[in-house]
Structure formats: structure tokens, C-alpha cells
């Protein structure tokens, strides 16, 4: 599976060591919630789902990791 990751950080610049919650809003936004270890505060980040959709990798652009792995160990796929 091919995907692009999102980078999140607190206003202080600290990246989350773990994500506590992921959800969606009635306004069609992706929401991510975590605890900032440096600030000792709850942090919320949101992003419109339309932006997420536009950032999805194209099927043609993404490598087929399964086929590449099989090829690397000498397996040939039938045409």
C-alpha cells in the first residue's frame, strides 16, 4: 500500500511521540489529537478532508511494493 504521511508538530516545534485520537468533524476535517511532552498541553491539529484527498498519491505514481519484493527474491509474475 502506498501512502503519504502527514507531519504534525506543536507550536513549540515538538512532534508527537504518539497520537491519542484521530477523527473527523461535521465540517469535513480530519482532526488529530496528542499530548505535547514539552509544553505539557493537549494539542489538536486539523486539516480539510478535501486537502487530504488532493494529497493522496496517484495509483500510477506509487510503486508496487509487493511486485518489487517478489522480483527481488527471484519470483517472476505471469503476464
C-alpha atoms as a PDB file:
ATOM      1  CA  UNK A   1       0.000   0.000   0.000  1.00  0.00           C
ATOM      2  CA  UNK A   2       1.334   3.392  -0.926  1.00  0.00           C
ATOM      3  CA  UNK A   3       0.610   6.438   1.200  1.00  0.00           C
ATOM      4  CA  UNK A   4       1.914   9.867   2.113  1.00  0.00           C
ATOM      5  CA  UNK A   5       2.353  10.688   5.766  1.00  0.00           C
ATOM      6  CA  UNK A   6       1.348  13.897   7.492  1.00  0.00           C
ATOM      7  CA  UNK A   7       3.807  15.662   9.760  1.00  0.00           C
ATOM      8  CA  UNK A   8       2.359  17.160  12.914  1.00  0.00           C
ATOM      9  CA  UNK A   9       4.012  19.351  15.495  1.00  0.00           C
ATOM     10  CA  UNK A  10       3.073  21.520  18.444  1.00  0.00           C
ATOM     11  CA  UNK A  11       3.523  25.300  18.325  1.00  0.00           C
ATOM     12  CA  UNK A  12       6.750  24.733  20.281  1.00  0.00           C
ATOM     13  CA  UNK A  13       8.024  22.552  17.419  1.00  0.00           C
ATOM     14  CA  UNK A  14       7.835  19.232  19.281  1.00  0.00           C
ATOM     15  CA  UNK A  15       6.470  16.331  17.240  1.00  0.00           C
ATOM     16  CA  UNK A  16       4.092  13.923  18.966  1.00  0.00           C
ATOM     17  CA  UNK A  17       5.600  10.752  20.380  1.00  0.00           C
ATOM     18  CA  UNK A  18       2.187   9.134  19.970  1.00  0.00           C
ATOM     19  CA  UNK A  19      -1.196  10.099  18.559  1.00  0.00           C
ATOM     20  CA  UNK A  20      -4.050   9.843  21.067  1.00  0.00           C
ATOM     21  CA  UNK A  21      -7.054  10.285  18.768  1.00  0.00           C
ATOM     22  CA  UNK A  22      -7.893  10.663  15.087  1.00  0.00           C
ATOM     23  CA  UNK A  23     -11.348  11.701  13.937  1.00  0.00           C
ATOM     24  CA  UNK A  24     -13.454  13.759  11.549  1.00  0.00           C
ATOM     25  CA  UNK A  25     -15.662  16.792  12.117  1.00  0.00           C
ATOM     26  CA  UNK A  26     -19.075  17.807  10.791  1.00  0.00           C
ATOM     27  CA  UNK A  27     -17.161  20.426   8.762  1.00  0.00           C
ATOM     28  CA  UNK A  28     -15.330  17.623   6.877  1.00  0.00           C
ATOM     29  CA  UNK A  29     -11.963  17.992   8.564  1.00  0.00           C
ATOM     30  CA  UNK A  30      -9.503  15.377   9.756  1.00  0.00           C
ATOM     31  CA  UNK A  31      -8.603  16.007  13.413  1.00  0.00           C
ATOM     32  CA  UNK A  32      -5.556  14.618  15.216  1.00  0.00           C
ATOM     33  CA  UNK A  33      -5.102  14.948  18.987  1.00  0.00           C
ATOM     34  CA  UNK A  34      -1.996  14.345  21.110  1.00  0.00           C
ATOM     35  CA  UNK A  35      -0.237  15.400  24.302  1.00  0.00           C
ATOM     36  CA  UNK A  36       2.848  17.624  23.922  1.00  0.00           C
ATOM     37  CA  UNK A  37       5.549  16.325  26.235  1.00  0.00           C
ATOM     38  CA  UNK A  38       7.449  19.652  26.179  1.00  0.00           C
ATOM     39  CA  UNK A  39       4.512  22.052  26.717  1.00  0.00           C
ATOM     40  CA  UNK A  40       2.546  19.572  28.818  1.00  0.00           C
ATOM     41  CA  UNK A  41      -0.601  20.569  26.913  1.00  0.00           C
ATOM     42  CA  UNK A  42      -3.211  18.918  24.711  1.00  0.00           C
ATOM     43  CA  UNK A  43      -2.655  19.680  21.037  1.00  0.00           C
ATOM     44  CA  UNK A  44      -5.196  19.450  18.228  1.00  0.00           C
ATOM     45  CA  UNK A  45      -4.378  19.642  14.527  1.00  0.00           C
ATOM     46  CA  UNK A  46      -6.990  19.694  11.787  1.00  0.00           C
ATOM     47  CA  UNK A  47      -6.917  19.521   8.014  1.00  0.00           C
ATOM     48  CA  UNK A  48      -9.771  19.704   5.499  1.00  0.00           C
ATOM     49  CA  UNK A  49     -10.549  16.289   4.030  1.00  0.00           C
ATOM     50  CA  UNK A  50     -10.530  17.902   0.580  1.00  0.00           C
ATOM     51  CA  UNK A  51      -6.845  18.762   1.130  1.00  0.00           C
ATOM     52  CA  UNK A  52      -6.179  15.189   2.271  1.00  0.00           C
ATOM     53  CA  UNK A  53      -7.896  13.882  -0.867  1.00  0.00           C
ATOM     54  CA  UNK A  54      -5.756  16.095  -3.149  1.00  0.00           C
ATOM     55  CA  UNK A  55      -2.578  14.909  -1.416  1.00  0.00           C
ATOM     56  CA  UNK A  56      -3.305  11.218  -1.973  1.00  0.00           C
ATOM     57  CA  UNK A  57      -0.680   9.560  -4.183  1.00  0.00           C
ATOM     58  CA  UNK A  58      -1.799   8.649  -7.683  1.00  0.00           C
ATOM     59  CA  UNK A  59      -2.079   4.948  -8.454  1.00  0.00           C
ATOM     60  CA  UNK A  60       0.295   5.342 -11.408  1.00  0.00           C
ATOM     61  CA  UNK A  61       2.840   7.232  -9.272  1.00  0.00           C
ATOM     62  CA  UNK A  62       3.005   4.687  -6.465  1.00  0.00           C
ATOM     63  CA  UNK A  63       5.404   1.745  -6.752  1.00  0.00           C
ATOM     64  CA  UNK A  64       4.015  -1.769  -6.475  1.00  0.00           C
ATOM     65  CA  UNK A  65       5.946  -2.858  -3.384  1.00  0.00           C
ATOM     66  CA  UNK A  66       4.639  -6.442  -3.487  1.00  0.00           C
ATOM     67  CA  UNK A  67       5.775  -6.963  -7.079  1.00  0.00           C
ATOM     68  CA  UNK A  68       9.129  -5.306  -6.354  1.00  0.00           C
ATOM     69  CA  UNK A  69       9.681  -7.548  -3.332  1.00  0.00           C
ATOM     70  CA  UNK A  70       8.780 -10.696  -5.237  1.00  0.00           C
ATOM     71  CA  UNK A  71      11.068  -9.671  -8.097  1.00  0.00           C
ATOM     72  CA  UNK A  72      13.910  -9.006  -5.612  1.00  0.00           C
ATOM     73  CA  UNK A  73      13.718 -12.614  -4.360  1.00  0.00           C
ATOM     74  CA  UNK A  74      13.617 -14.053  -7.874  1.00  0.00           C
ATOM     75  CA  UNK A  75       9.875 -14.583  -8.369  1.00  0.00           C
ATOM     76  CA  UNK A  76       8.566 -13.772 -11.839  1.00  0.00           C
ATOM     77  CA  UNK A  77       4.922 -12.869 -12.307  1.00  0.00           C
ATOM     78  CA  UNK A  78       2.946 -14.230 -15.240  1.00  0.00           C
ATOM     79  CA  UNK A  79       1.901 -11.586 -17.779  1.00  0.00           C
END
